[in-house]
């Protein structure tokens, strides 16, 4: 069972009160922080007043895992993301003894999986780990779960534009394809 090393974290904060994390050799960025109890009497780190600790591991391929720990450093939950906010994978919740108490499969409604969407992007010369936007949800027009993809096409074209695709979340069938321009911030 993963634990948050409170002693090591406290030492890092003593050495550098602005400490927020580090980067591993493979390029994974580690963010670590704490949240104080609502009734805390200080904004500074005081382990007696901490409610939770968080560790986020952000890989170079845009996959992120967020771990939430209680004030004793025991794992409470695990969540997975792609890019900035796409909820993916199996999310888990644990009790104070470390026993698994719940799981939520964020991908269950999308048989055409994220790996398939990433492959679709590669076929269209876009690497979603570096650029573009991937979202998914229920679409009332198509009455289905869909993937909404958007990226900027600006290399070797006289006028850059936004490429948009809507894919069926079950089959991956292209439901809509359109171009918008000029590009806007994603």
N, C-alpha and C. Protein backbone atom coordinates (compact mmCIF):
# COMPACT_ATOMS: atom_id res chain seq x y z
N UNK A 1 0.85 -1.18 0.00
CA UNK A 1 0.00 0.00 0.00
C UNK A 1 0.89 1.25 0.00
N UNK A 2 0.61 2.15 -0.90
CA UNK A 2 1.37 3.40 -1.01
C UNK A 2 1.09 4.28 0.20
N UNK A 3 2.15 4.88 0.75
CA UNK A 3 2.03 5.81 1.88
C UNK A 3 2.72 7.11 1.53
N UNK A 4 2.25 8.18 2.14
CA UNK A 4 2.90 9.48 1.99
C UNK A 4 3.92 9.61 3.11
N UNK A 5 5.19 9.88 2.74
CA UNK A 5 6.26 9.99 3.73
C UNK A 5 6.24 11.41 4.30
N UNK A 6 5.52 11.58 5.40
CA UNK A 6 5.33 12.90 6.00
C UNK A 6 6.65 13.45 6.52
N UNK A 7 7.50 12.61 7.12
CA UNK A 7 8.78 13.08 7.65
C UNK A 7 9.67 13.65 6.53
N UNK A 8 9.77 12.91 5.42
CA UNK A 8 10.59 13.39 4.29
C UNK A 8 10.01 14.68 3.71
N UNK A 9 8.69 14.75 3.62
CA UNK A 9 8.03 15.95 3.09
C UNK A 9 8.31 17.15 4.00
N UNK A 10 8.22 16.94 5.30
CA UNK A 10 8.47 18.03 6.25
C UNK A 10 9.92 18.52 6.14
N UNK A 11 10.85 17.61 5.95
CA UNK A 11 12.26 17.99 5.77
C UNK A 11 12.44 18.84 4.50
N UNK A 12 11.78 18.46 3.43
CA UNK A 12 11.86 19.24 2.19
C UNK A 12 11.32 20.64 2.40
N UNK A 13 10.23 20.76 3.15
CA UNK A 13 9.65 22.07 3.42
C UNK A 13 10.54 22.91 4.34
N UNK A 14 11.23 22.26 5.26
CA UNK A 14 12.15 22.99 6.14
C UNK A 14 13.31 23.56 5.32
N UNK A 15 13.84 22.76 4.38
CA UNK A 15 14.94 23.21 3.53
C UNK A 15 14.50 24.28 2.55
N UNK A 16 13.26 24.16 2.07
CA UNK A 16 12.73 25.10 1.09
C UNK A 16 11.23 25.27 1.33
N UNK A 17 10.84 26.35 2.01
CA UNK A 17 9.42 26.55 2.31
C UNK A 17 8.52 26.66 1.06
N UNK A 18 9.13 26.90 -0.09
CA UNK A 18 8.38 27.00 -1.35
C UNK A 18 8.31 25.66 -2.09
N UNK A 19 8.80 24.60 -1.48
CA UNK A 19 8.84 23.28 -2.13
C UNK A 19 7.45 22.87 -2.61
N UNK A 20 7.39 22.42 -3.87
CA UNK A 20 6.13 21.93 -4.45
C UNK A 20 6.31 20.61 -5.17
N UNK A 21 7.58 20.15 -5.33
CA UNK A 21 7.80 18.90 -6.02
C UNK A 21 9.13 18.86 -6.73
N UNK A 22 9.27 17.89 -7.64
CA UNK A 22 10.52 17.68 -8.35
C UNK A 22 10.25 16.91 -9.63
N UNK A 23 11.28 16.75 -10.46
CA UNK A 23 11.17 15.99 -11.70
C UNK A 23 12.09 14.78 -11.63
N UNK A 24 11.55 13.61 -11.94
CA UNK A 24 12.34 12.38 -11.94
C UNK A 24 13.15 12.27 -13.23
N UNK A 25 14.12 11.36 -13.25
CA UNK A 25 15.00 11.19 -14.40
C UNK A 25 14.25 10.90 -15.70
N UNK A 26 13.12 10.19 -15.60
CA UNK A 26 12.36 9.85 -16.81
C UNK A 26 11.46 11.00 -17.28
N UNK A 27 11.52 12.14 -16.60
CA UNK A 27 10.73 13.30 -16.99
C UNK A 27 9.39 13.41 -16.27
N UNK A 28 9.07 12.44 -15.41
CA UNK A 28 7.83 12.50 -14.64
C UNK A 28 7.93 13.62 -13.62
N UNK A 29 6.94 14.51 -13.64
CA UNK A 29 6.90 15.60 -12.67
C UNK A 29 6.08 15.17 -11.46
N UNK A 30 6.67 15.33 -10.28
CA UNK A 30 6.01 14.98 -9.03
C UNK A 30 5.63 16.28 -8.32
N UNK A 31 4.34 16.42 -8.03
CA UNK A 31 3.85 17.56 -7.24
C UNK A 31 3.37 17.02 -5.91
N UNK A 32 3.76 17.69 -4.83
CA UNK A 32 3.33 17.28 -3.51
C UNK A 32 2.86 18.50 -2.74
N UNK A 33 1.73 18.37 -2.08
CA UNK A 33 1.24 19.48 -1.27
C UNK A 33 0.28 18.97 -0.21
N UNK A 34 -0.10 19.86 0.65
CA UNK A 34 -0.99 19.51 1.76
C UNK A 34 -2.18 20.46 1.78
N UNK A 35 -3.24 20.02 2.44
CA UNK A 35 -4.40 20.87 2.67
C UNK A 35 -4.66 20.89 4.16
N UNK A 36 -4.77 22.09 4.70
CA UNK A 36 -5.02 22.25 6.12
C UNK A 36 -6.48 22.01 6.46
N UNK A 37 -6.74 21.63 7.70
CA UNK A 37 -8.11 21.49 8.18
C UNK A 37 -8.81 22.85 8.09
N UNK A 38 -10.11 22.88 7.95
CA UNK A 38 -10.84 24.16 7.88
C UNK A 38 -10.65 25.03 9.13
N UNK A 39 -10.41 24.41 10.27
CA UNK A 39 -10.25 25.18 11.51
C UNK A 39 -8.78 25.46 11.85
N UNK A 40 -7.88 25.28 10.89
CA UNK A 40 -6.45 25.50 11.14
C UNK A 40 -6.21 26.95 11.56
N UNK A 41 -5.24 27.12 12.45
CA UNK A 41 -4.93 28.46 12.97
C UNK A 41 -3.72 29.09 12.28
N UNK A 42 -3.19 28.43 11.26
CA UNK A 42 -2.04 28.95 10.54
C UNK A 42 -2.13 28.54 9.08
N UNK A 43 -1.42 29.28 8.22
CA UNK A 43 -1.32 28.90 6.81
C UNK A 43 -0.06 28.08 6.56
N UNK A 44 0.88 28.14 7.50
CA UNK A 44 2.14 27.42 7.36
C UNK A 44 1.94 25.93 7.65
N UNK A 45 2.91 25.13 7.19
CA UNK A 45 2.83 23.69 7.42
C UNK A 45 2.93 23.38 8.90
N UNK A 46 1.97 22.65 9.40
CA UNK A 46 1.95 22.14 10.76
C UNK A 46 1.22 20.81 10.68
N UNK A 47 1.96 19.72 10.79
CA UNK A 47 1.36 18.40 10.57
C UNK A 47 0.16 18.13 11.45
N UNK A 48 0.07 18.80 12.59
CA UNK A 48 -1.10 18.61 13.47
C UNK A 48 -2.36 19.23 12.87
N UNK A 49 -2.18 20.17 11.94
CA UNK A 49 -3.33 20.86 11.37
C UNK A 49 -3.62 20.45 9.92
N UNK A 50 -2.86 19.49 9.43
CA UNK A 50 -3.06 19.01 8.06
C UNK A 50 -4.27 18.08 8.02
N UNK A 51 -5.09 18.27 6.98
CA UNK A 51 -6.23 17.38 6.76
C UNK A 51 -5.85 16.26 5.79
N UNK A 52 -5.21 16.64 4.66
CA UNK A 52 -4.80 15.66 3.66
C UNK A 52 -3.50 16.08 2.98
N UNK A 53 -2.84 15.07 2.39
CA UNK A 53 -1.66 15.28 1.55
C UNK A 53 -2.01 14.79 0.16
N UNK A 54 -1.42 15.42 -0.85
CA UNK A 54 -1.66 15.02 -2.24
C UNK A 54 -0.32 14.84 -2.94
N UNK A 55 -0.24 13.81 -3.76
CA UNK A 55 0.93 13.58 -4.62
C UNK A 55 0.39 13.35 -6.02
N UNK A 56 0.87 14.13 -6.98
CA UNK A 56 0.46 13.98 -8.37
C UNK A 56 1.68 13.62 -9.19
N UNK A 57 1.57 12.55 -9.95
CA UNK A 57 2.64 12.10 -10.84
C UNK A 57 2.20 12.36 -12.28
N UNK A 58 2.87 13.32 -12.94
CA UNK A 58 2.53 13.71 -14.31
C UNK A 58 3.62 13.22 -15.26
N UNK A 59 3.29 12.21 -16.04
CA UNK A 59 4.27 11.62 -16.97
C UNK A 59 4.40 12.46 -18.23
N UNK A 60 5.51 12.35 -18.92
CA UNK A 60 5.70 13.11 -20.16
C UNK A 60 4.67 12.79 -21.25
N UNK A 61 4.03 11.62 -21.19
CA UNK A 61 3.04 11.24 -22.21
C UNK A 61 1.64 11.74 -21.86
N UNK A 62 1.54 12.66 -20.91
CA UNK A 62 0.30 13.35 -20.52
C UNK A 62 -0.62 12.54 -19.61
N UNK A 63 -0.18 11.38 -19.16
CA UNK A 63 -0.96 10.62 -18.18
C UNK A 63 -0.58 11.11 -16.78
N UNK A 64 -1.59 11.29 -15.92
CA UNK A 64 -1.36 11.75 -14.56
C UNK A 64 -2.10 10.83 -13.58
N UNK A 65 -1.46 10.61 -12.43
CA UNK A 65 -2.10 9.87 -11.36
C UNK A 65 -2.05 10.74 -10.11
N UNK A 66 -3.19 10.90 -9.47
CA UNK A 66 -3.29 11.71 -8.25
C UNK A 66 -3.59 10.79 -7.08
N UNK A 67 -2.76 10.89 -6.06
CA UNK A 67 -2.93 10.11 -4.83
C UNK A 67 -3.33 11.06 -3.71
N UNK A 68 -4.35 10.71 -2.96
CA UNK A 68 -4.77 11.50 -1.81
C UNK A 68 -4.55 10.67 -0.55
N UNK A 69 -3.90 11.28 0.45
CA UNK A 69 -3.55 10.59 1.69
C UNK A 69 -4.18 11.32 2.87
N UNK A 70 -4.53 10.57 3.92
CA UNK A 70 -5.07 11.21 5.11
C UNK A 70 -3.93 11.83 5.93
N UNK A 71 -4.25 12.42 7.05
CA UNK A 71 -3.25 13.14 7.84
C UNK A 71 -2.17 12.23 8.41
N UNK A 72 -2.41 10.92 8.46
CA UNK A 72 -1.40 9.97 8.92
C UNK A 72 -0.53 9.46 7.76
N UNK A 73 -0.85 9.87 6.54
CA UNK A 73 -0.09 9.44 5.37
C UNK A 73 -0.62 8.19 4.72
N UNK A 74 -1.80 7.72 5.15
CA UNK A 74 -2.41 6.53 4.55
C UNK A 74 -3.22 6.90 3.31
N UNK A 75 -3.13 6.06 2.32
CA UNK A 75 -3.81 6.30 1.05
C UNK A 75 -5.33 6.30 1.22
N UNK A 76 -5.98 7.36 0.69
CA UNK A 76 -7.44 7.48 0.73
C UNK A 76 -8.03 7.19 -0.65
N UNK A 77 -7.37 7.72 -1.70
CA UNK A 77 -7.92 7.53 -3.04
C UNK A 77 -6.84 7.66 -4.10
N UNK A 78 -7.15 7.08 -5.28
CA UNK A 78 -6.28 7.17 -6.45
C UNK A 78 -7.16 7.54 -7.63
N UNK A 79 -6.73 8.56 -8.38
CA UNK A 79 -7.46 9.01 -9.57
C UNK A 79 -6.49 9.13 -10.73
N UNK A 80 -6.99 8.90 -11.94
CA UNK A 80 -6.15 8.93 -13.15
C UNK A 80 -6.72 9.92 -14.15
N UNK A 81 -5.82 10.60 -14.86
CA UNK A 81 -6.22 11.61 -15.84
C UNK A 81 -5.35 11.49 -17.08
N UNK A 82 -5.88 12.01 -18.17
CA UNK A 82 -5.08 12.23 -19.37
C UNK A 82 -5.13 13.72 -19.66
N UNK A 83 -3.98 14.27 -20.00
CA UNK A 83 -3.85 15.70 -20.27
C UNK A 83 -4.22 16.47 -19.01
N UNK A 84 -4.99 17.51 -19.12
CA UNK A 84 -5.23 18.32 -17.93
C UNK A 84 -6.39 17.83 -17.08
N UNK A 85 -7.44 17.30 -17.68
CA UNK A 85 -8.60 16.99 -16.85
C UNK A 85 -9.46 15.81 -17.30
N UNK A 86 -9.04 15.07 -18.30
CA UNK A 86 -9.85 13.94 -18.76
C UNK A 86 -9.74 12.79 -17.75
N UNK A 87 -10.83 12.48 -17.09
CA UNK A 87 -10.85 11.42 -16.09
C UNK A 87 -10.85 10.06 -16.78
N UNK A 88 -9.87 9.23 -16.42
CA UNK A 88 -9.72 7.92 -17.08
C UNK A 88 -9.44 6.83 -16.05
N UNK A 89 -9.52 5.60 -16.49
CA UNK A 89 -9.08 4.46 -15.69
C UNK A 89 -9.98 4.12 -14.52
N UNK A 90 -9.45 3.28 -13.67
CA UNK A 90 -10.15 2.82 -12.47
C UNK A 90 -9.75 3.73 -11.31
N UNK A 91 -10.72 4.43 -10.76
CA UNK A 91 -10.49 5.26 -9.58
C UNK A 91 -10.80 4.40 -8.36
N UNK A 92 -9.97 4.55 -7.33
CA UNK A 92 -10.13 3.72 -6.14
C UNK A 92 -10.25 4.57 -4.88
N UNK A 93 -11.01 4.05 -3.90
CA UNK A 93 -11.15 4.68 -2.59
C UNK A 93 -10.79 3.62 -1.54
N UNK A 94 -10.15 4.10 -0.46
CA UNK A 94 -9.69 3.21 0.61
C UNK A 94 -10.15 3.74 1.96
N UNK A 95 -10.33 2.83 2.92
CA UNK A 95 -10.64 3.28 4.28
C UNK A 95 -9.32 3.56 5.02
N UNK A 96 -9.41 3.93 6.28
CA UNK A 96 -8.22 4.32 7.04
C UNK A 96 -7.25 3.17 7.28
N UNK A 97 -7.71 1.94 7.11
CA UNK A 97 -6.82 0.78 7.29
C UNK A 97 -6.17 0.35 5.97
N UNK A 98 -6.54 1.00 4.88
CA UNK A 98 -5.99 0.64 3.58
C UNK A 98 -6.84 -0.33 2.80
N UNK A 99 -7.99 -0.69 3.35
CA UNK A 99 -8.88 -1.63 2.66
C UNK A 99 -9.60 -0.90 1.52
N UNK A 100 -9.61 -1.52 0.36
CA UNK A 100 -10.32 -0.98 -0.79
C UNK A 100 -11.82 -0.95 -0.50
N UNK A 101 -12.42 0.24 -0.59
CA UNK A 101 -13.85 0.37 -0.29
C UNK A 101 -14.70 0.70 -1.51
N UNK A 102 -14.06 1.09 -2.59
CA UNK A 102 -14.83 1.41 -3.78
C UNK A 102 -13.96 1.61 -5.00
N UNK A 103 -14.56 1.32 -6.15
CA UNK A 103 -13.89 1.54 -7.43
C UNK A 103 -14.91 2.12 -8.41
N UNK A 104 -14.43 3.01 -9.25
CA UNK A 104 -15.25 3.57 -10.31
C UNK A 104 -14.48 3.46 -11.61
N UNK A 105 -15.07 2.81 -12.59
CA UNK A 105 -14.43 2.65 -13.90
C UNK A 105 -14.86 3.82 -14.79
N UNK A 106 -13.96 4.77 -14.97
CA UNK A 106 -14.26 5.97 -15.76
C UNK A 106 -14.33 5.67 -17.26
N UNK A 107 -13.82 4.51 -17.68
CA UNK A 107 -13.77 4.17 -19.11
C UNK A 107 -14.88 3.21 -19.53
N UNK A 108 -15.68 2.75 -18.59
CA UNK A 108 -16.67 1.69 -18.86
C UNK A 108 -17.61 2.03 -20.02
N UNK A 109 -18.02 3.26 -20.13
CA UNK A 109 -18.98 3.66 -21.17
C UNK A 109 -18.33 3.97 -22.52
N UNK A 110 -17.01 3.73 -22.62
CA UNK A 110 -16.28 4.08 -23.84
C UNK A 110 -15.46 2.90 -24.34
N UNK A 111 -16.11 1.91 -24.99
CA UNK A 111 -15.37 0.78 -25.55
C UNK A 111 -14.31 1.24 -26.57
N UNK A 112 -14.62 2.31 -27.32
CA UNK A 112 -13.59 2.92 -28.16
C UNK A 112 -12.76 3.74 -27.19
N UNK A 113 -11.64 3.17 -26.76
CA UNK A 113 -10.89 3.65 -25.60
C UNK A 113 -9.93 4.80 -25.95
N UNK A 114 -9.37 5.38 -24.90
CA UNK A 114 -8.41 6.47 -25.08
C UNK A 114 -7.25 6.04 -25.98
N UNK A 115 -6.76 4.82 -25.81
CA UNK A 115 -5.66 4.35 -26.66
C UNK A 115 -6.07 4.38 -28.13
N UNK A 116 -7.34 4.11 -28.42
CA UNK A 116 -7.84 4.17 -29.80
C UNK A 116 -7.91 5.61 -30.29
N UNK A 117 -8.30 6.51 -29.40
CA UNK A 117 -8.35 7.94 -29.74
C UNK A 117 -6.95 8.46 -30.03
N UNK A 118 -5.98 8.06 -29.22
CA UNK A 118 -4.59 8.48 -29.43
C UNK A 118 -4.10 7.96 -30.77
N UNK A 119 -4.44 6.73 -31.10
CA UNK A 119 -4.06 6.16 -32.41
C UNK A 119 -4.75 6.91 -33.55
N UNK A 120 -6.01 7.27 -33.37
CA UNK A 120 -6.73 8.07 -34.36
C UNK A 120 -5.99 9.39 -34.58
N UNK A 121 -5.54 10.02 -33.50
CA UNK A 121 -4.78 11.26 -33.61
C UNK A 121 -3.50 11.07 -34.40
N UNK A 122 -2.77 10.00 -34.11
CA UNK A 122 -1.51 9.74 -34.82
C UNK A 122 -1.75 9.60 -36.32
N UNK A 123 -2.87 8.96 -36.70
CA UNK A 123 -3.19 8.81 -38.12
C UNK A 123 -3.48 10.16 -38.78
N UNK A 124 -3.81 11.14 -37.95
CA UNK A 124 -4.09 12.50 -38.45
C UNK A 124 -2.97 13.47 -38.09
N UNK A 125 -1.78 12.93 -37.81
CA UNK A 125 -0.58 13.69 -37.51
C UNK A 125 -0.72 14.62 -36.30
N UNK A 126 -1.40 14.16 -35.25
CA UNK A 126 -1.47 14.92 -34.00
C UNK A 126 -1.12 14.01 -32.83
N UNK A 127 -0.30 14.54 -31.94
CA UNK A 127 0.10 13.82 -30.73
C UNK A 127 -0.62 14.48 -29.56
N UNK A 128 -1.69 13.85 -29.08
CA UNK A 128 -2.50 14.44 -28.02
C UNK A 128 -1.76 14.57 -26.69
N UNK A 129 -0.62 13.93 -26.56
CA UNK A 129 0.15 14.10 -25.33
C UNK A 129 0.86 15.46 -25.32
N UNK A 130 0.95 16.10 -26.49
CA UNK A 130 1.65 17.38 -26.59
C UNK A 130 0.75 18.54 -27.01
N UNK A 131 -0.31 18.25 -27.72
CA UNK A 131 -1.14 19.33 -28.25
C UNK A 131 -2.57 18.85 -28.43
N UNK A 132 -3.46 19.77 -28.70
CA UNK A 132 -4.84 19.41 -28.96
C UNK A 132 -5.65 19.24 -27.67
N UNK A 133 -6.91 18.89 -27.87
CA UNK A 133 -7.82 18.71 -26.75
C UNK A 133 -8.65 17.45 -26.98
N UNK A 134 -8.77 16.65 -25.93
CA UNK A 134 -9.56 15.42 -25.96
C UNK A 134 -10.58 15.52 -24.84
N UNK A 135 -11.85 15.44 -25.22
CA UNK A 135 -12.93 15.44 -24.23
C UNK A 135 -13.90 14.34 -24.59
N UNK A 136 -14.69 13.93 -23.60
CA UNK A 136 -15.71 12.93 -23.87
C UNK A 136 -16.91 13.19 -22.97
N UNK A 137 -18.05 12.70 -23.44
CA UNK A 137 -19.27 12.88 -22.68
C UNK A 137 -20.47 12.46 -23.51
N UNK A 138 -21.63 12.58 -22.90
CA UNK A 138 -22.86 12.24 -23.59
C UNK A 138 -23.26 13.39 -24.50
N UNK A 139 -23.61 13.10 -25.74
CA UNK A 139 -24.04 14.11 -26.70
C UNK A 139 -25.52 13.91 -26.98
N UNK A 140 -26.32 14.93 -26.68
CA UNK A 140 -27.77 14.82 -26.84
C UNK A 140 -28.20 14.80 -28.30
N UNK A 141 -27.39 15.34 -29.19
CA UNK A 141 -27.72 15.29 -30.62
C UNK A 141 -27.59 13.86 -31.14
N UNK A 142 -26.48 13.21 -30.82
CA UNK A 142 -26.24 11.85 -31.29
C UNK A 142 -26.84 10.80 -30.35
N UNK A 143 -27.29 11.24 -29.18
CA UNK A 143 -27.83 10.34 -28.16
C UNK A 143 -26.88 9.18 -27.89
N UNK A 144 -25.62 9.56 -27.67
CA UNK A 144 -24.56 8.57 -27.43
C UNK A 144 -23.39 9.23 -26.71
N UNK A 145 -22.56 8.39 -26.10
CA UNK A 145 -21.30 8.88 -25.55
C UNK A 145 -20.36 9.11 -26.72
N UNK A 146 -19.68 10.24 -26.71
CA UNK A 146 -18.81 10.61 -27.82
C UNK A 146 -17.47 11.13 -27.31
N UNK A 147 -16.51 11.10 -28.21
CA UNK A 147 -15.22 11.76 -28.02
C UNK A 147 -15.25 13.03 -28.86
N UNK A 148 -14.84 14.16 -28.28
CA UNK A 148 -14.70 15.42 -29.01
C UNK A 148 -13.21 15.75 -29.08
N UNK A 149 -12.68 15.82 -30.29
CA UNK A 149 -11.26 16.05 -30.51
C UNK A 149 -11.07 17.37 -31.23
N UNK A 150 -10.04 18.10 -30.85
CA UNK A 150 -9.75 19.39 -31.50
C UNK A 150 -8.23 19.60 -31.47
N UNK A 151 -7.71 20.08 -32.60
CA UNK A 151 -6.31 20.47 -32.64
C UNK A 151 -6.10 21.50 -33.74
N UNK A 152 -4.96 22.17 -33.64
CA UNK A 152 -4.62 23.21 -34.61
C UNK A 152 -3.80 22.61 -35.73
N UNK A 153 -4.18 22.94 -36.95
CA UNK A 153 -3.41 22.56 -38.13
C UNK A 153 -2.79 23.86 -38.65
N UNK A 154 -1.47 23.97 -38.51
CA UNK A 154 -0.84 25.23 -38.92
C UNK A 154 0.46 25.05 -39.71
N UNK A 155 0.95 23.82 -39.78
CA UNK A 155 2.18 23.61 -40.54
C UNK A 155 1.88 23.39 -42.02
N UNK A 156 2.60 24.08 -42.85
CA UNK A 156 2.54 23.89 -44.30
C UNK A 156 1.16 24.16 -44.90
N UNK A 157 0.38 24.99 -44.26
CA UNK A 157 -0.90 25.40 -44.85
C UNK A 157 -0.93 26.93 -44.87
N UNK A 158 -1.49 27.50 -45.92
CA UNK A 158 -1.49 28.97 -46.00
C UNK A 158 -2.30 29.64 -44.89
N UNK A 159 -3.39 29.01 -44.47
CA UNK A 159 -4.20 29.58 -43.40
C UNK A 159 -4.46 28.52 -42.34
N UNK A 160 -3.86 28.67 -41.17
CA UNK A 160 -4.07 27.70 -40.10
C UNK A 160 -5.55 27.61 -39.71
N UNK A 161 -5.94 26.46 -39.19
CA UNK A 161 -7.33 26.24 -38.79
C UNK A 161 -7.40 25.23 -37.65
N UNK A 162 -8.58 25.12 -37.05
CA UNK A 162 -8.86 24.12 -36.02
C UNK A 162 -9.53 22.91 -36.70
N UNK A 163 -9.00 21.73 -36.44
CA UNK A 163 -9.59 20.50 -36.93
C UNK A 163 -10.40 19.90 -35.79
N UNK A 164 -11.67 19.60 -36.05
CA UNK A 164 -12.56 19.03 -35.04
C UNK A 164 -13.13 17.71 -35.52
N UNK A 165 -13.17 16.74 -34.62
CA UNK A 165 -13.81 15.45 -34.89
C UNK A 165 -14.70 15.10 -33.70
N UNK A 166 -15.83 14.51 -34.00
CA UNK A 166 -16.68 13.87 -32.99
C UNK A 166 -16.73 12.40 -33.35
N UNK A 167 -16.30 11.56 -32.40
CA UNK A 167 -16.26 10.11 -32.63
C UNK A 167 -17.24 9.41 -31.70
N UNK A 168 -17.88 8.37 -32.21
CA UNK A 168 -18.76 7.55 -31.39
C UNK A 168 -17.91 6.87 -30.30
N UNK A 169 -18.36 6.94 -29.06
CA UNK A 169 -17.61 6.40 -27.94
C UNK A 169 -17.60 4.88 -27.88
N UNK A 170 -18.48 4.24 -28.63
CA UNK A 170 -18.53 2.78 -28.65
C UNK A 170 -17.74 2.21 -29.81
N UNK A 171 -17.94 2.79 -31.00
CA UNK A 171 -17.34 2.21 -32.21
C UNK A 171 -16.16 2.99 -32.76
N UNK A 172 -16.06 4.28 -32.42
CA UNK A 172 -15.02 5.12 -32.99
C UNK A 172 -15.41 5.71 -34.33
N UNK A 173 -16.62 5.42 -34.78
CA UNK A 173 -17.09 5.96 -36.06
C UNK A 173 -17.07 7.49 -36.01
N UNK A 174 -16.59 8.10 -37.11
CA UNK A 174 -16.59 9.56 -37.21
C UNK A 174 -18.03 10.02 -37.40
N UNK A 175 -18.54 10.75 -36.42
CA UNK A 175 -19.90 11.27 -36.48
C UNK A 175 -19.93 12.67 -37.09
N UNK A 176 -18.85 13.40 -36.89
CA UNK A 176 -18.76 14.75 -37.44
C UNK A 176 -17.29 15.11 -37.62
N UNK A 177 -17.03 15.81 -38.71
CA UNK A 177 -15.70 16.34 -38.98
C UNK A 177 -15.88 17.73 -39.53
N UNK A 178 -15.15 18.69 -38.96
CA UNK A 178 -15.23 20.04 -39.49
C UNK A 178 -13.97 20.82 -39.20
N UNK A 179 -13.82 21.89 -39.95
CA UNK A 179 -12.68 22.79 -39.77
C UNK A 179 -13.21 24.15 -39.35
N UNK A 180 -12.52 24.74 -38.39
CA UNK A 180 -12.84 26.08 -37.95
C UNK A 180 -11.56 26.89 -38.02
N UNK A 181 -11.69 28.16 -38.19
CA UNK A 181 -10.48 28.98 -38.20
C UNK A 181 -10.81 30.38 -37.83
N UNK A 182 -9.83 31.16 -37.56
CA UNK A 182 -8.44 30.78 -37.32
C UNK A 182 -8.30 30.09 -35.96
N UNK A 183 -7.09 29.52 -35.72
CA UNK A 183 -6.90 28.80 -34.47
C UNK A 183 -7.14 29.69 -33.24
N UNK A 184 -7.60 29.05 -32.18
CA UNK A 184 -7.73 29.74 -30.90
C UNK A 184 -7.02 28.91 -29.85
N UNK A 185 -6.80 29.51 -28.72
CA UNK A 185 -6.08 28.82 -27.66
C UNK A 185 -6.89 27.61 -27.19
N UNK A 186 -6.20 26.47 -27.05
CA UNK A 186 -6.87 25.24 -26.59
C UNK A 186 -6.80 25.18 -25.11
